[in-house]
């Protein structure tokens, strides 16, 4: 029986990753680099540490702080009214109606996560948040999901993780937790994890799992 659903945030609940790509390109262009949004696709889903390393290969390392400042400024403006993924609110409501605890494990900073959830008016759905500052290593390391499982006091077979990226799917699998992927900008995982087309399919997926837990 699924008692807890743990969501990733960016690209799963919030349609933010496209905004990140556009902001990255605009910031790079302001510094004289002719990058386009698609050039930053390989950075989708990686944590802040890996992101900095990748940027160092794309531009002068001394310019990374200014690039980051410009990009974050652009994103912050957009995130005053966060764009939700398809069926986000309806799905959160449907899962809550099933008396399932909902939580978030994000590789982003806690302040960002809290601000985005509040601005999107969905903060009240979540019992707990694990963010960048809360773990020694980000996804695909399992630390975030293991800590959340312990925080929620649920068994592994009572959890369902919802992720959009292959990095996130791997993090859940490294924690030995059941996971379903709803791909956004990243490709479909090659690990055999179930794949849904959009969030709106999640409540029915939960119902099927509860009816046939060993299928």
Protein backbone atom coordinates (compact mmCIF):
# COMPACT_ATOMS: atom_id res chain seq x y z
CA UNK A 1 0.00 0.00 0.00
CA UNK A 2 1.42 3.36 -1.04
CA UNK A 3 1.40 5.69 1.98
CA UNK A 4 3.76 8.41 0.70
CA UNK A 5 4.53 10.02 -2.64
CA UNK A 6 7.83 11.89 -2.90
CA UNK A 7 8.12 14.31 -5.80
CA UNK A 8 11.01 16.00 -7.49
CA UNK A 9 10.19 19.69 -8.07
CA UNK A 10 11.71 21.21 -11.21
CA UNK A 11 10.42 19.55 -14.35
CA UNK A 12 8.07 17.35 -12.33
CA UNK A 13 5.66 19.71 -10.59
CA UNK A 14 6.93 23.06 -11.89
CA UNK A 15 7.55 23.70 -15.59
CA UNK A 16 10.77 25.51 -14.71
CA UNK A 17 13.50 23.75 -16.64
CA UNK A 18 12.62 25.45 -19.93
CA UNK A 19 12.81 28.77 -18.10
CA UNK A 20 16.24 27.82 -16.74
CA UNK A 21 17.48 27.01 -20.23
CA UNK A 22 16.22 30.30 -21.64
CA UNK A 23 17.68 32.24 -18.70
CA UNK A 24 21.03 30.49 -19.09
CA UNK A 25 21.18 31.40 -22.77
CA UNK A 26 20.23 35.02 -22.11
CA UNK A 27 22.85 35.33 -19.36
CA UNK A 28 25.53 33.75 -21.54
CA UNK A 29 24.68 36.02 -24.46
CA UNK A 30 24.91 39.07 -22.19
CA UNK A 31 28.49 38.00 -21.46
CA UNK A 32 29.29 37.58 -25.16
CA UNK A 33 28.80 33.82 -25.53
CA UNK A 34 26.53 32.79 -28.44
CA UNK A 35 24.90 29.88 -26.59
CA UNK A 36 21.30 28.88 -27.21
CA UNK A 37 18.90 27.25 -24.71
CA UNK A 38 19.55 23.79 -26.18
CA UNK A 39 23.26 24.12 -25.38
CA UNK A 40 22.41 23.86 -21.69
CA UNK A 41 20.29 20.68 -22.01
CA UNK A 42 23.12 18.41 -20.72
CA UNK A 43 22.93 20.30 -17.42
CA UNK A 44 19.27 19.45 -16.79
CA UNK A 45 18.84 17.54 -13.55
CA UNK A 46 22.42 17.89 -12.30
CA UNK A 47 23.19 19.38 -8.92
CA UNK A 48 24.84 22.73 -8.23
CA UNK A 49 28.32 21.27 -7.88
CA UNK A 50 28.22 19.41 -11.20
CA UNK A 51 26.60 22.43 -12.85
CA UNK A 52 29.54 24.65 -11.88
CA UNK A 53 32.02 22.14 -13.25
CA UNK A 54 30.18 21.96 -16.57
CA UNK A 55 29.97 25.75 -16.84
CA UNK A 56 33.73 25.98 -16.39
CA UNK A 57 34.04 24.07 -19.67
CA UNK A 58 31.67 26.48 -21.43
CA UNK A 59 33.02 29.86 -20.35
CA UNK A 60 35.78 31.64 -18.51
CA UNK A 61 35.54 30.47 -14.91
CA UNK A 62 35.91 34.03 -13.62
CA UNK A 63 32.65 34.90 -15.38
CA UNK A 64 30.59 32.14 -13.78
CA UNK A 65 29.50 34.24 -10.76
CA UNK A 66 28.15 36.99 -13.03
CA UNK A 67 26.55 34.42 -15.34
CA UNK A 68 24.87 32.82 -12.33
CA UNK A 69 23.67 36.17 -10.99
CA UNK A 70 22.14 37.17 -14.33
CA UNK A 71 20.52 33.77 -14.89
CA UNK A 72 19.06 33.61 -11.38
CA UNK A 73 17.70 37.15 -11.72
CA UNK A 74 15.83 36.18 -14.89
CA UNK A 75 14.49 32.97 -13.34
CA UNK A 76 13.42 34.78 -10.16
CA UNK A 77 11.22 37.11 -12.20
CA UNK A 78 9.52 34.18 -13.94
CA UNK A 79 9.12 32.24 -10.69
CA UNK A 80 7.05 35.02 -9.16
CA UNK A 81 4.28 33.21 -11.02
CA UNK A 82 5.64 29.67 -11.42
CA UNK A 83 4.38 27.77 -14.47
CA UNK A 84 2.93 24.46 -13.31
CA UNK A 85 3.24 21.20 -15.18
CA UNK A 86 0.07 19.80 -16.68
CA UNK A 87 -2.50 18.71 -14.05
CA UNK A 88 -0.26 19.56 -11.07
CA UNK A 89 -2.94 20.92 -8.72
CA UNK A 90 -5.56 18.37 -9.72
CA UNK A 91 -3.08 15.55 -9.18
CA UNK A 92 -1.96 16.82 -5.77
CA UNK A 93 -5.60 17.10 -4.73
CA UNK A 94 -6.41 13.60 -5.97
CA UNK A 95 -3.43 12.07 -4.17
CA UNK A 96 -4.35 13.92 -0.96
CA UNK A 97 -7.89 12.55 -1.23
CA UNK A 98 -6.36 9.06 -1.09
CA UNK A 99 -4.85 9.94 2.32
CA UNK A 100 -1.33 9.65 0.93
CA UNK A 101 1.39 11.84 2.47
CA UNK A 102 3.15 14.04 -0.09
CA UNK A 103 6.71 15.40 0.12
CA UNK A 104 9.48 16.89 -2.01
CA UNK A 105 13.14 15.98 -2.53
CA UNK A 106 14.88 18.64 -4.64
CA UNK A 107 18.49 19.36 -5.58
CA UNK A 108 17.63 23.05 -5.45
CA UNK A 109 18.07 25.35 -2.46
CA UNK A 110 15.43 25.28 0.28
CA UNK A 111 14.69 29.00 -0.04
CA UNK A 112 13.92 28.54 -3.74
CA UNK A 113 11.74 25.49 -3.12
CA UNK A 114 9.74 27.24 -0.43
CA UNK A 115 9.29 30.42 -2.47
CA UNK A 116 8.17 28.53 -5.58
CA UNK A 117 5.69 26.34 -3.69
CA UNK A 118 4.23 29.39 -1.97
CA UNK A 119 3.99 31.41 -5.19
CA UNK A 120 2.34 28.45 -6.96
CA UNK A 121 -0.09 28.09 -4.04
CA UNK A 122 0.67 24.40 -3.55
CA UNK A 123 2.86 24.51 -0.40
CA UNK A 124 0.10 23.15 1.86
CA UNK A 125 0.08 19.81 0.04
CA UNK A 126 3.54 18.84 1.32
CA UNK A 127 4.39 17.44 4.73
CA UNK A 128 8.16 17.75 4.33
CA UNK A 129 10.94 19.05 2.06
CA UNK A 130 14.50 17.84 1.58
CA UNK A 131 16.64 20.35 -0.33
CA UNK A 132 20.24 20.96 -1.41
CA UNK A 133 21.40 22.04 2.05
CA UNK A 134 19.96 18.99 3.80
CA UNK A 135 22.17 16.27 2.31
CA UNK A 136 25.91 15.75 1.72
CA UNK A 137 25.41 14.84 -1.94
CA UNK A 138 22.67 15.51 -4.47
CA UNK A 139 21.02 13.21 -7.00
CA UNK A 140 21.92 10.62 -8.27
CA UNK A 141 23.16 10.04 -4.74
CA UNK A 142 20.32 8.43 -2.73
CA UNK A 143 20.88 10.57 0.39
CA UNK A 144 17.87 12.83 -0.14
CA UNK A 145 15.42 10.01 -0.69
CA UNK A 146 16.80 7.92 2.16
CA UNK A 147 16.51 10.85 4.54
CA UNK A 148 12.95 11.57 3.43
CA UNK A 149 11.94 7.94 3.86
CA UNK A 150 13.26 8.03 7.43
CA UNK A 151 11.59 11.37 8.08
CA UNK A 152 8.20 10.07 6.96
CA UNK A 153 8.57 6.79 8.90
CA UNK A 154 7.46 4.62 5.98
CA UNK A 155 8.75 1.34 4.62
CA UNK A 156 10.33 1.20 1.18
CA UNK A 157 7.36 -0.62 -0.33
CA UNK A 158 5.04 2.11 1.00
CA UNK A 159 6.79 4.88 -0.98
CA UNK A 160 6.45 6.04 -4.58
CA UNK A 161 8.97 8.51 -6.02
CA UNK A 162 7.95 10.71 -8.96
CA UNK A 163 10.78 12.04 -11.13
CA UNK A 164 11.23 13.61 -14.57
CA UNK A 165 14.96 13.02 -15.17
CA UNK A 166 17.13 9.94 -15.48
CA UNK A 167 19.38 11.34 -12.74
CA UNK A 168 16.40 11.50 -10.40
CA UNK A 169 15.22 8.02 -11.32
CA UNK A 170 18.70 6.71 -10.58
CA UNK A 171 18.71 8.47 -7.19
CA UNK A 172 15.47 6.75 -6.20
CA UNK A 173 16.71 3.39 -7.43
CA UNK A 174 19.97 3.84 -5.52
CA UNK A 175 17.77 4.29 -2.44
CA UNK A 176 15.91 1.09 -3.41
CA UNK A 177 12.62 2.98 -3.60
CA UNK A 178 9.88 2.41 -6.20
CA UNK A 179 9.95 5.20 -8.79
CA UNK A 180 7.92 6.33 -11.77
CA UNK A 181 9.22 8.71 -14.41
CA UNK A 182 7.27 11.46 -16.17
CA UNK A 183 9.84 12.66 -18.74
CA UNK A 184 10.07 16.37 -19.43
CA UNK A 185 13.24 17.56 -21.18
CA UNK A 186 15.22 14.42 -20.40
CA UNK A 187 14.83 11.13 -22.20
CA UNK A 188 13.02 8.03 -20.99
CA UNK A 189 15.04 6.04 -18.47
CA UNK A 190 16.70 2.82 -19.59
CA UNK A 191 16.45 1.12 -16.20
CA UNK A 192 12.95 -0.30 -16.53
CA UNK A 193 11.24 2.21 -14.23
CA UNK A 194 7.58 2.76 -15.21
CA UNK A 195 6.89 5.82 -17.37
CA UNK A 196 3.77 8.01 -17.36
CA UNK A 197 2.85 10.58 -20.00
CA UNK A 198 1.83 13.30 -17.55
CA UNK A 199 1.05 13.90 -13.88
CA UNK A 200 -2.66 13.40 -14.42
CA UNK A 201 -2.00 9.66 -14.80
CA UNK A 202 -0.47 9.38 -11.32
CA UNK A 203 -3.63 8.83 -9.19
CA UNK A 204 -4.74 5.91 -11.37
CA UNK A 205 -1.20 4.49 -11.24
CA UNK A 206 -1.31 4.63 -7.44
CA UNK A 207 -4.68 2.87 -7.44
CA UNK A 208 -3.34 0.09 -9.68
CA UNK A 209 -0.28 -0.37 -7.47
CA UNK A 210 -2.42 -0.57 -4.36
CA UNK A 211 -4.73 -3.14 -5.98
CA UNK A 212 -1.87 -5.20 -7.45
CA UNK A 213 1.25 -4.44 -5.38
CA UNK A 214 3.30 -7.27 -6.86
CA UNK A 215 2.31 -6.81 -10.51
